[in-house]
All heavy atoms as atom14 arrays in JSON, in Angstrom:
{
  "sequence": "AYFEDSNNPYIGDFYEDMNRWSFNLQVHFLASRIRQTMDMLADGS",
  "atom14_mask": [
    [1, 1, 1, 1, 1, 0, 0, 0, 0, 0, 0, 0, 0, 0],
    [1, 1, 1, 1, 1, 1, 1, 1, 1, 1, 1, 1, 0, 0],
    [1, 1, 1, 1, 1, 1, 1, 1, 1, 1, 1, 0, 0, 0],
    [1, 1, 1, 1, 1, 1, 1, 1, 1, 0, 0, 0, 0, 0],
    [1, 1, 1, 1, 1, 1, 1, 1, 0, 0, 0, 0, 0, 0],
    [1, 1, 1, 1, 1, 1, 0, 0, 0, 0, 0, 0, 0, 0],
    [1, 1, 1, 1, 1, 1, 1, 1, 0, 0, 0, 0, 0, 0],
    [1, 1, 1, 1, 1, 1, 1, 1, 0, 0, 0, 0, 0, 0],
    [1, 1, 1, 1, 1, 1, 1, 0, 0, 0, 0, 0, 0, 0],
    [1, 1, 1, 1, 1, 1, 1, 1, 1, 1, 1, 1, 0, 0],
    [1, 1, 1, 1, 1, 1, 1, 1, 0, 0, 0, 0, 0, 0],
    [1, 1, 1, 1, 0, 0, 0, 0, 0, 0, 0, 0, 0, 0],
    [1, 1, 1, 1, 1, 1, 1, 1, 0, 0, 0, 0, 0, 0],
    [1, 1, 1, 1, 1, 1, 1, 1, 1, 1, 1, 0, 0, 0],
    [1, 1, 1, 1, 1, 1, 1, 1, 1, 1, 1, 1, 0, 0],
    [1, 1, 1, 1, 1, 1, 1, 1, 1, 0, 0, 0, 0, 0],
    [1, 1, 1, 1, 1, 1, 1, 1, 0, 0, 0, 0, 0, 0],
    [1, 1, 1, 1, 1, 1, 1, 1, 0, 0, 0, 0, 0, 0],
    [1, 1, 1, 1, 1, 1, 1, 1, 0, 0, 0, 0, 0, 0],
    [1, 1, 1, 1, 1, 1, 1, 1, 1, 1, 1, 0, 0, 0],
    [1, 1, 1, 1, 1, 1, 1, 1, 1, 1, 1, 1, 1, 1],
    [1, 1, 1, 1, 1, 1, 0, 0, 0, 0, 0, 0, 0, 0],
    [1, 1, 1, 1, 1, 1, 1, 1, 1, 1, 1, 0, 0, 0],
    [1, 1, 1, 1, 1, 1, 1, 1, 0, 0, 0, 0, 0, 0],
    [1, 1, 1, 1, 1, 1, 1, 1, 0, 0, 0, 0, 0, 0],
    [1, 1, 1, 1, 1, 1, 1, 1, 1, 0, 0, 0, 0, 0],
    [1, 1, 1, 1, 1, 1, 1, 0, 0, 0, 0, 0, 0, 0],
    [1, 1, 1, 1, 1, 1, 1, 1, 1, 1, 0, 0, 0, 0],
    [1, 1, 1, 1, 1, 1, 1, 1, 1, 1, 1, 0, 0, 0],
    [1, 1, 1, 1, 1, 1, 1, 1, 0, 0, 0, 0, 0, 0],
    [1, 1, 1, 1, 1, 0, 0, 0, 0, 0, 0, 0, 0, 0],
    [1, 1, 1, 1, 1, 1, 0, 0, 0, 0, 0, 0, 0, 0],
    [1, 1, 1, 1, 1, 1, 1, 1, 1, 1, 1, 0, 0, 0],
    [1, 1, 1, 1, 1, 1, 1, 1, 0, 0, 0, 0, 0, 0],
    [1, 1, 1, 1, 1, 1, 1, 1, 1, 1, 1, 0, 0, 0],
    [1, 1, 1, 1, 1, 1, 1, 1, 1, 0, 0, 0, 0, 0],
    [1, 1, 1, 1, 1, 1, 1, 0, 0, 0, 0, 0, 0, 0],
    [1, 1, 1, 1, 1, 1, 1, 1, 0, 0, 0, 0, 0, 0],
    [1, 1, 1, 1, 1, 1, 1, 1, 0, 0, 0, 0, 0, 0],
    [1, 1, 1, 1, 1, 1, 1, 1, 0, 0, 0, 0, 0, 0],
    [1, 1, 1, 1, 1, 1, 1, 1, 0, 0, 0, 0, 0, 0],
    [1, 1, 1, 1, 1, 0, 0, 0, 0, 0, 0, 0, 0, 0],
    [1, 1, 1, 1, 1, 1, 1, 1, 0, 0, 0, 0, 0, 0],
    [1, 1, 1, 1, 0, 0, 0, 0, 0, 0, 0, 0, 0, 0],
    [1, 1, 1, 1, 1, 1, 0, 0, 0, 0, 0, 0, 0, 0]
  ],
  "atom14_positions": [
    [[-7.87, 2.64, -10.34], [-8.35, 3.62, -9.31], [-7.4, 3.58, -8.06], [-6.87, 2.48, -7.72], [-9.72, 3.18, -8.89], [0.0, 0.0, 0.0], [0.0, 0.0, 0.0], [0.0, 0.0, 0.0], [0.0, 0.0, 0.0], [0.0, 0.0, 0.0], [0.0, 0.0, 0.0], [0.0, 0.0, 0.0], [0.0, 0.0, 0.0], [0.0, 0.0, 0.0]],
    [[-7.27, 4.73, -7.62], [-6.34, 4.91, -6.25], [-7.28, 5.56, -5.33], [-7.75, 6.71, -5.61], [-5.14, 5.52, -6.57], [-4.1, 4.78, -7.13], [-4.01, 4.76, -8.59], [-3.2, 4.08, -6.49], [-3.01, 3.94, -9.15], [-2.22, 3.2, -7.09], [-2.16, 3.09, -8.49], [-1.23, 2.47, -9.13], [0.0, 0.0, 0.0], [0.0, 0.0, 0.0]],
    [[-7.52, 5.01, -4.23], [-8.51, 5.57, -3.28], [-7.68, 6.1, -1.97], [-6.66, 5.5, -1.68], [-9.55, 4.57, -2.83], [-10.37, 4.03, -3.93], [-10.21, 2.94, -4.69], [-11.48, 4.84, -4.3], [-11.0, 2.47, -5.73], [-12.23, 4.43, -5.35], [-11.99, 3.32, -5.99], [0.0, 0.0, 0.0], [0.0, 0.0, 0.0], [0.0, 0.0, 0.0]],
    [[-8.3, 6.98, -1.22], [-7.74, 7.54, -0.16], [-7.73, 6.47, 0.9], [-8.64, 5.72, 1.08], [-8.64, 8.73, 0.51], [-8.15, 9.27, 1.75], [-9.0, 10.5, 2.27], [-10.2, 10.41, 1.97], [-8.45, 11.31, 2.85], [0.0, 0.0, 0.0], [0.0, 0.0, 0.0], [0.0, 0.0, 0.0], [0.0, 0.0, 0.0], [0.0, 0.0, 0.0]],
    [[-6.57, 6.34, 1.68], [-6.42, 5.38, 2.72], [-7.23, 5.79, 4.04], [-7.11, 6.85, 4.53], [-4.94, 5.31, 3.25], [-4.77, 4.35, 4.32], [-5.67, 3.55, 4.62], [-3.68, 4.41, 4.95], [0.0, 0.0, 0.0], [0.0, 0.0, 0.0], [0.0, 0.0, 0.0], [0.0, 0.0, 0.0], [0.0, 0.0, 0.0], [0.0, 0.0, 0.0]],
    [[-8.3, 5.15, 4.26], [-9.21, 5.49, 5.37], [-8.81, 4.82, 6.69], [-9.41, 4.88, 7.73], [-10.54, 5.04, 5.06], [-10.66, 3.72, 4.82], [0.0, 0.0, 0.0], [0.0, 0.0, 0.0], [0.0, 0.0, 0.0], [0.0, 0.0, 0.0], [0.0, 0.0, 0.0], [0.0, 0.0, 0.0], [0.0, 0.0, 0.0], [0.0, 0.0, 0.0]],
    [[-7.71, 4.14, 6.63], [-7.19, 3.45, 7.97], [-6.13, 4.4, 8.71], [-4.96, 3.96, 8.82], [-6.52, 2.07, 7.49], [-6.24, 1.25, 8.62], [-6.86, 1.46, 9.71], [-5.33, 0.32, 8.57], [0.0, 0.0, 0.0], [0.0, 0.0, 0.0], [0.0, 0.0, 0.0], [0.0, 0.0, 0.0], [0.0, 0.0, 0.0], [0.0, 0.0, 0.0]],
    [[-6.64, 5.46, 9.0], [-5.7, 6.48, 9.84], [-5.87, 6.28, 11.29], [-7.02, 6.38, 11.73], [-6.09, 7.87, 9.43], [-5.19, 8.82, 9.89], [-4.63, 8.84, 11.02], [-4.94, 9.98, 9.05], [0.0, 0.0, 0.0], [0.0, 0.0, 0.0], [0.0, 0.0, 0.0], [0.0, 0.0, 0.0], [0.0, 0.0, 0.0], [0.0, 0.0, 0.0]],
    [[-4.94, 5.86, 12.02], [-5.0, 5.57, 13.42], [-5.34, 6.77, 14.34], [-5.69, 6.67, 15.52], [-3.64, 5.04, 13.9], [-2.73, 5.68, 12.87], [-3.43, 5.71, 11.63], [0.0, 0.0, 0.0], [0.0, 0.0, 0.0], [0.0, 0.0, 0.0], [0.0, 0.0, 0.0], [0.0, 0.0, 0.0], [0.0, 0.0, 0.0], [0.0, 0.0, 0.0]],
    [[-5.33, 7.99, 13.72], [-5.56, 9.25, 14.58], [-6.96, 9.66, 14.35], [-7.38, 10.7, 14.96], [-4.56, 10.31, 14.09], [-3.18, 9.95, 14.38], [-2.26, 9.57, 13.32], [-2.66, 9.94, 15.73], [-1.08, 9.27, 13.59], [-1.41, 9.66, 15.96], [-0.61, 9.21, 14.9], [0.77, 8.92, 15.18], [0.0, 0.0, 0.0], [0.0, 0.0, 0.0]],
    [[-7.81, 9.12, 13.52], [-9.17, 9.53, 13.33], [-10.01, 9.63, 14.59], [-10.66, 10.73, 14.77], [-9.98, 8.71, 12.29], [-9.28, 8.88, 10.85], [-11.4, 8.91, 12.16], [-10.19, 9.24, 9.78], [0.0, 0.0, 0.0], [0.0, 0.0, 0.0], [0.0, 0.0, 0.0], [0.0, 0.0, 0.0], [0.0, 0.0, 0.0], [0.0, 0.0, 0.0]],
    [[-10.06, 8.54, 15.32], [-10.87, 8.61, 16.5], [-10.33, 9.63, 17.52], [-11.12, 10.44, 18.08], [0.0, 0.0, 0.0], [0.0, 0.0, 0.0], [0.0, 0.0, 0.0], [0.0, 0.0, 0.0], [0.0, 0.0, 0.0], [0.0, 0.0, 0.0], [0.0, 0.0, 0.0], [0.0, 0.0, 0.0], [0.0, 0.0, 0.0], [0.0, 0.0, 0.0]],
    [[-8.95, 9.72, 17.7], [-8.37, 10.76, 18.61], [-8.8, 12.12, 18.1], [-8.99, 13.08, 18.93], [-6.89, 10.58, 18.74], [-6.58, 9.32, 19.34], [-7.25, 8.83, 20.24], [-5.49, 8.77, 19.03], [0.0, 0.0, 0.0], [0.0, 0.0, 0.0], [0.0, 0.0, 0.0], [0.0, 0.0, 0.0], [0.0, 0.0, 0.0], [0.0, 0.0, 0.0]],
    [[-8.74, 12.36, 16.79], [-8.93, 13.72, 16.25], [-10.48, 14.1, 16.58], [-10.57, 15.3, 16.92], [-8.77, 13.52, 14.66], [-9.27, 14.79, 13.92], [-8.52, 15.94, 13.94], [-10.4, 14.76, 13.19], [-9.03, 17.09, 13.28], [-10.86, 15.91, 12.59], [-10.13, 16.93, 12.43], [0.0, 0.0, 0.0], [0.0, 0.0, 0.0], [0.0, 0.0, 0.0]],
    [[-11.36, 13.32, 16.32], [-12.79, 13.74, 16.69], [-13.0, 13.83, 18.17], [-13.91, 14.53, 18.52], [-13.74, 12.7, 16.02], [-13.87, 12.92, 14.55], [-13.42, 11.91, 13.58], [-14.38, 14.07, 14.07], [-13.51, 12.18, 12.24], [-14.51, 14.39, 12.75], [-14.04, 13.36, 11.77], [-14.13, 13.62, 10.44], [0.0, 0.0, 0.0], [0.0, 0.0, 0.0]],
    [[-12.12, 13.27, 18.98], [-12.23, 13.5, 20.47], [-11.63, 14.87, 20.75], [-12.19, 15.55, 21.79], [-11.64, 12.35, 21.16], [-12.2, 11.02, 21.19], [-13.46, 10.95, 21.98], [-13.5, 11.49, 23.01], [-14.37, 10.33, 21.53], [0.0, 0.0, 0.0], [0.0, 0.0, 0.0], [0.0, 0.0, 0.0], [0.0, 0.0, 0.0], [0.0, 0.0, 0.0]],
    [[-10.56, 15.21, 20.26], [-9.8, 16.47, 20.55], [-9.15, 16.92, 19.3], [-7.92, 16.6, 19.05], [-8.84, 16.23, 21.66], [-8.11, 17.54, 22.17], [-8.34, 18.56, 21.58], [-7.38, 17.45, 23.15], [0.0, 0.0, 0.0], [0.0, 0.0, 0.0], [0.0, 0.0, 0.0], [0.0, 0.0, 0.0], [0.0, 0.0, 0.0], [0.0, 0.0, 0.0]],
    [[-9.79, 17.79, 18.51], [-9.25, 18.15, 17.22], [-8.07, 19.03, 17.35], [-7.12, 18.92, 16.53], [-10.38, 18.9, 16.38], [-11.58, 18.02, 15.9], [-12.66, 18.99, 15.01], [-13.86, 17.71, 14.66], [0.0, 0.0, 0.0], [0.0, 0.0, 0.0], [0.0, 0.0, 0.0], [0.0, 0.0, 0.0], [0.0, 0.0, 0.0], [0.0, 0.0, 0.0]],
    [[-8.04, 19.93, 18.27], [-6.79, 20.75, 18.43], [-5.54, 19.93, 18.69], [-4.49, 20.28, 18.26], [-7.12, 21.77, 19.5], [-8.02, 22.96, 19.1], [-8.15, 23.24, 18.0], [-8.81, 23.41, 20.13], [0.0, 0.0, 0.0], [0.0, 0.0, 0.0], [0.0, 0.0, 0.0], [0.0, 0.0, 0.0], [0.0, 0.0, 0.0], [0.0, 0.0, 0.0]],
    [[-5.74, 18.87, 19.5], [-4.61, 18.12, 19.89], [-4.06, 17.28, 18.76], [-2.91, 17.08, 18.57], [-4.92, 17.25, 21.09], [-3.94, 16.16, 21.39], [-2.5, 16.54, 21.76], [-1.66, 15.48, 22.01], [-0.85, 14.85, 21.12], [-0.98, 15.28, 19.75], [-0.07, 13.91, 21.43], [0.0, 0.0, 0.0], [0.0, 0.0, 0.0], [0.0, 0.0, 0.0]],
    [[-5.08, 16.58, 17.95], [-4.68, 15.53, 17.09], [-4.62, 15.9, 15.54], [-4.39, 15.19, 14.69], [-5.53, 14.42, 17.25], [-5.32, 13.78, 18.63], [-6.06, 13.87, 19.78], [-4.18, 12.93, 19.03], [-5.5, 13.22, 20.85], [-4.33, 12.57, 20.45], [-3.09, 12.48, 18.37], [-3.38, 11.75, 21.08], [-2.18, 11.72, 19.04], [-2.32, 11.39, 20.44]],
    [[-4.98, 17.2, 15.27], [-5.16, 17.57, 13.87], [-3.75, 17.51, 13.05], [-3.78, 16.91, 11.98], [-5.69, 19.01, 13.66], [-4.89, 19.82, 14.35], [0.0, 0.0, 0.0], [0.0, 0.0, 0.0], [0.0, 0.0, 0.0], [0.0, 0.0, 0.0], [0.0, 0.0, 0.0], [0.0, 0.0, 0.0], [0.0, 0.0, 0.0], [0.0, 0.0, 0.0]],
    [[-2.63, 17.8, 13.76], [-1.36, 17.71, 13.05], [-1.04, 16.3, 12.72], [-0.68, 15.98, 11.68], [-0.29, 18.32, 13.92], [1.12, 18.33, 13.27], [1.43, 19.12, 12.29], [2.0, 17.43, 13.7], [2.61, 19.1, 11.64], [3.26, 17.41, 13.16], [3.48, 18.11, 11.96], [0.0, 0.0, 0.0], [0.0, 0.0, 0.0], [0.0, 0.0, 0.0]],
    [[-1.2, 15.35, 13.82], [-0.88, 14.01, 13.51], [-1.66, 13.34, 12.43], [-1.21, 12.6, 11.66], [-1.1, 13.23, 14.87], [-0.31, 13.73, 16.06], [-0.52, 14.9, 16.5], [0.65, 12.99, 16.5], [0.0, 0.0, 0.0], [0.0, 0.0, 0.0], [0.0, 0.0, 0.0], [0.0, 0.0, 0.0], [0.0, 0.0, 0.0], [0.0, 0.0, 0.0]],
    [[-2.97, 13.77, 12.47], [-3.85, 13.17, 11.41], [-3.46, 13.57, 10.02], [-3.37, 12.76, 9.09], [-5.34, 13.7, 11.7], [-6.37, 13.24, 10.74], [-6.98, 11.96, 11.03], [-7.41, 14.35, 10.59], [0.0, 0.0, 0.0], [0.0, 0.0, 0.0], [0.0, 0.0, 0.0], [0.0, 0.0, 0.0], [0.0, 0.0, 0.0], [0.0, 0.0, 0.0]],
    [[-3.1, 14.96, 9.95], [-2.77, 15.37, 8.61], [-1.42, 14.77, 8.13], [-1.19, 14.57, 6.92], [-2.68, 16.96, 8.61], [-4.02, 17.58, 8.67], [-4.92, 17.09, 7.48], [-4.58, 17.02, 6.32], [-6.22, 16.82, 7.7], [0.0, 0.0, 0.0], [0.0, 0.0, 0.0], [0.0, 0.0, 0.0], [0.0, 0.0, 0.0], [0.0, 0.0, 0.0]],
    [[-0.39, 14.66, 9.13], [0.85, 14.06, 8.66], [0.73, 12.66, 8.24], [1.24, 12.21, 7.11], [1.82, 14.21, 9.87], [3.05, 13.38, 9.58], [2.15, 15.71, 10.03], [0.0, 0.0, 0.0], [0.0, 0.0, 0.0], [0.0, 0.0, 0.0], [0.0, 0.0, 0.0], [0.0, 0.0, 0.0], [0.0, 0.0, 0.0], [0.0, 0.0, 0.0]],
    [[-0.19, 11.98, 8.97], [-0.41, 10.52, 8.51], [-1.02, 10.53, 7.08], [-0.64, 9.79, 6.24], [-1.34, 9.85, 9.44], [-1.43, 8.48, 9.25], [-2.33, 7.86, 8.28], [-0.76, 7.3, 9.62], [-2.28, 6.62, 8.21], [-1.28, 6.22, 9.1], [0.0, 0.0, 0.0], [0.0, 0.0, 0.0], [0.0, 0.0, 0.0], [0.0, 0.0, 0.0]],
    [[-2.1, 11.32, 6.84], [-2.8, 11.43, 5.52], [-1.59, 11.86, 4.48], [-1.67, 11.2, 3.42], [-3.94, 12.41, 5.47], [-5.21, 11.88, 5.89], [-6.0, 12.64, 6.86], [-5.64, 10.57, 5.45], [-7.18, 12.1, 7.3], [-6.78, 10.11, 5.9], [-7.64, 10.89, 6.78], [0.0, 0.0, 0.0], [0.0, 0.0, 0.0], [0.0, 0.0, 0.0]],
    [[-0.82, 12.89, 4.75], [0.16, 13.25, 3.83], [1.15, 12.0, 3.42], [1.41, 11.9, 2.3], [0.95, 14.44, 4.31], [2.09, 14.95, 3.44], [1.61, 15.45, 2.12], [2.86, 16.13, 4.13], [0.0, 0.0, 0.0], [0.0, 0.0, 0.0], [0.0, 0.0, 0.0], [0.0, 0.0, 0.0], [0.0, 0.0, 0.0], [0.0, 0.0, 0.0]],
    [[1.56, 11.41, 4.37], [2.55, 10.17, 4.16], [1.8, 9.16, 3.42], [2.48, 8.58, 2.46], [3.0, 9.67, 5.56], [0.0, 0.0, 0.0], [0.0, 0.0, 0.0], [0.0, 0.0, 0.0], [0.0, 0.0, 0.0], [0.0, 0.0, 0.0], [0.0, 0.0, 0.0], [0.0, 0.0, 0.0], [0.0, 0.0, 0.0], [0.0, 0.0, 0.0]],
    [[0.68, 9.01, 3.77], [-0.21, 7.93, 2.92], [-0.28, 8.36, 1.49], [-0.14, 7.55, 0.59], [-1.44, 7.72, 3.5], [-2.32, 6.88, 2.8], [0.0, 0.0, 0.0], [0.0, 0.0, 0.0], [0.0, 0.0, 0.0], [0.0, 0.0, 0.0], [0.0, 0.0, 0.0], [0.0, 0.0, 0.0], [0.0, 0.0, 0.0], [0.0, 0.0, 0.0]],
    [[-0.55, 9.65, 1.18], [-0.75, 10.2, -0.13], [0.53, 10.15, -0.88], [0.58, 9.89, -2.22], [-1.41, 11.54, -0.1], [-2.92, 11.39, 0.3], [-3.44, 12.75, 0.37], [-4.87, 12.52, 0.91], [-5.5, 13.38, 1.78], [-4.89, 14.46, 2.22], [-6.74, 13.07, 2.3], [0.0, 0.0, 0.0], [0.0, 0.0, 0.0], [0.0, 0.0, 0.0]],
    [[1.63, 10.37, -0.16], [2.97, 10.32, -0.85], [3.32, 8.96, -1.25], [3.67, 8.64, -2.39], [4.03, 10.94, -0.01], [3.9, 12.45, 0.13], [5.41, 10.64, -0.47], [4.7, 13.24, 1.12], [0.0, 0.0, 0.0], [0.0, 0.0, 0.0], [0.0, 0.0, 0.0], [0.0, 0.0, 0.0], [0.0, 0.0, 0.0], [0.0, 0.0, 0.0]],
    [[3.04, 8.04, -0.43], [3.25, 6.58, -0.71], [2.27, 6.2, -1.89], [2.82, 5.55, -2.9], [2.95, 5.66, 0.43], [3.99, 5.49, 1.48], [3.76, 4.44, 2.47], [2.59, 4.65, 3.2], [2.34, 5.25, 4.36], [3.49, 5.94, 4.83], [1.29, 5.41, 4.92], [0.0, 0.0, 0.0], [0.0, 0.0, 0.0], [0.0, 0.0, 0.0]],
    [[1.15, 6.67, -1.99], [0.15, 6.19, -3.0], [0.73, 6.87, -4.35], [0.65, 6.24, -5.5], [-1.16, 6.76, -2.71], [-2.18, 6.36, -3.76], [-3.53, 6.8, -3.52], [-3.82, 8.1, -3.54], [-4.42, 5.91, -2.98], [0.0, 0.0, 0.0], [0.0, 0.0, 0.0], [0.0, 0.0, 0.0], [0.0, 0.0, 0.0], [0.0, 0.0, 0.0]],
    [[1.22, 8.08, -4.29], [1.77, 8.78, -5.43], [2.99, 8.07, -6.06], [3.03, 7.8, -7.24], [2.13, 10.2, -5.1], [0.94, 11.01, -4.71], [2.62, 10.91, -6.42], [0.0, 0.0, 0.0], [0.0, 0.0, 0.0], [0.0, 0.0, 0.0], [0.0, 0.0, 0.0], [0.0, 0.0, 0.0], [0.0, 0.0, 0.0], [0.0, 0.0, 0.0]],
    [[3.85, 7.59, -5.15], [4.92, 6.8, -5.56], [4.49, 5.46, -6.25], [5.06, 5.09, -7.23], [5.92, 6.54, -4.37], [6.47, 7.76, -3.78], [7.36, 8.88, -4.98], [8.77, 7.81, -5.25], [0.0, 0.0, 0.0], [0.0, 0.0, 0.0], [0.0, 0.0, 0.0], [0.0, 0.0, 0.0], [0.0, 0.0, 0.0], [0.0, 0.0, 0.0]],
    [[3.49, 4.86, -5.64], [2.87, 3.65, -6.33], [2.4, 3.9, -7.6], [2.65, 3.12, -8.64], [1.78, 3.03, -5.33], [2.41, 2.45, -4.04], [3.67, 2.27, -4.03], [1.61, 2.22, -3.17], [0.0, 0.0, 0.0], [0.0, 0.0, 0.0], [0.0, 0.0, 0.0], [0.0, 0.0, 0.0], [0.0, 0.0, 0.0], [0.0, 0.0, 0.0]],
    [[1.64, 5.06, -7.75], [1.04, 5.38, -9.07], [2.04, 5.46, -10.15], [2.03, 5.13, -11.22], [0.27, 6.63, -8.89], [-1.15, 6.47, -8.29], [-2.12, 7.91, -8.0], [-1.43, 9.15, -8.93], [0.0, 0.0, 0.0], [0.0, 0.0, 0.0], [0.0, 0.0, 0.0], [0.0, 0.0, 0.0], [0.0, 0.0, 0.0], [0.0, 0.0, 0.0]],
    [[3.22, 6.29, -9.7], [4.33, 6.39, -10.62], [5.02, 5.15, -11.15], [5.3, 4.99, -12.25], [5.37, 7.43, -10.1], [4.84, 8.87, -9.92], [5.82, 9.63, -9.09], [4.6, 9.49, -11.3], [0.0, 0.0, 0.0], [0.0, 0.0, 0.0], [0.0, 0.0, 0.0], [0.0, 0.0, 0.0], [0.0, 0.0, 0.0], [0.0, 0.0, 0.0]],
    [[5.12, 4.22, -10.12], [5.74, 2.96, -10.35], [4.91, 1.93, -11.28], [5.24, 1.17, -11.96], [6.23, 2.32, -9.18], [0.0, 0.0, 0.0], [0.0, 0.0, 0.0], [0.0, 0.0, 0.0], [0.0, 0.0, 0.0], [0.0, 0.0, 0.0], [0.0, 0.0, 0.0], [0.0, 0.0, 0.0], [0.0, 0.0, 0.0], [0.0, 0.0, 0.0]],
    [[3.55, 2.19, -11.06], [2.58, 1.36, -11.67], [2.53, 1.28, -13.2], [2.53, 0.36, -13.93], [1.21, 1.67, -11.2], [0.03, 0.82, -11.66], [0.39, -0.27, -12.22], [-1.03, 1.32, -11.7], [0.0, 0.0, 0.0], [0.0, 0.0, 0.0], [0.0, 0.0, 0.0], [0.0, 0.0, 0.0], [0.0, 0.0, 0.0], [0.0, 0.0, 0.0]],
    [[2.68, 2.53, -13.75], [2.79, 2.64, -15.18], [1.5, 2.69, -15.94], [1.5, 2.56, -17.17], [0.0, 0.0, 0.0], [0.0, 0.0, 0.0], [0.0, 0.0, 0.0], [0.0, 0.0, 0.0], [0.0, 0.0, 0.0], [0.0, 0.0, 0.0], [0.0, 0.0, 0.0], [0.0, 0.0, 0.0], [0.0, 0.0, 0.0], [0.0, 0.0, 0.0]],
    [[0.36, 2.67, -15.22], [-0.97, 2.67, -15.84], [-1.09, 3.94, -16.59], [-0.76, 5.04, -16.18], [-2.06, 2.42, -14.79], [-1.99, 1.3, -14.26], [0.0, 0.0, 0.0], [0.0, 0.0, 0.0], [0.0, 0.0, 0.0], [0.0, 0.0, 0.0], [0.0, 0.0, 0.0], [0.0, 0.0, 0.0], [0.0, 0.0, 0.0], [0.0, 0.0, 0.0]]
  ]
}
């Protein structure tokens, strides 16, 4: 199993001001998902 990384440092800021922090939040999620995809490919499961 590979789960979404819920440790995003922008979550709190995002819920305080969505217009300001939505880009940062999404870029962090994207980077995390790319790292996870690379780990999945290397894992060989």
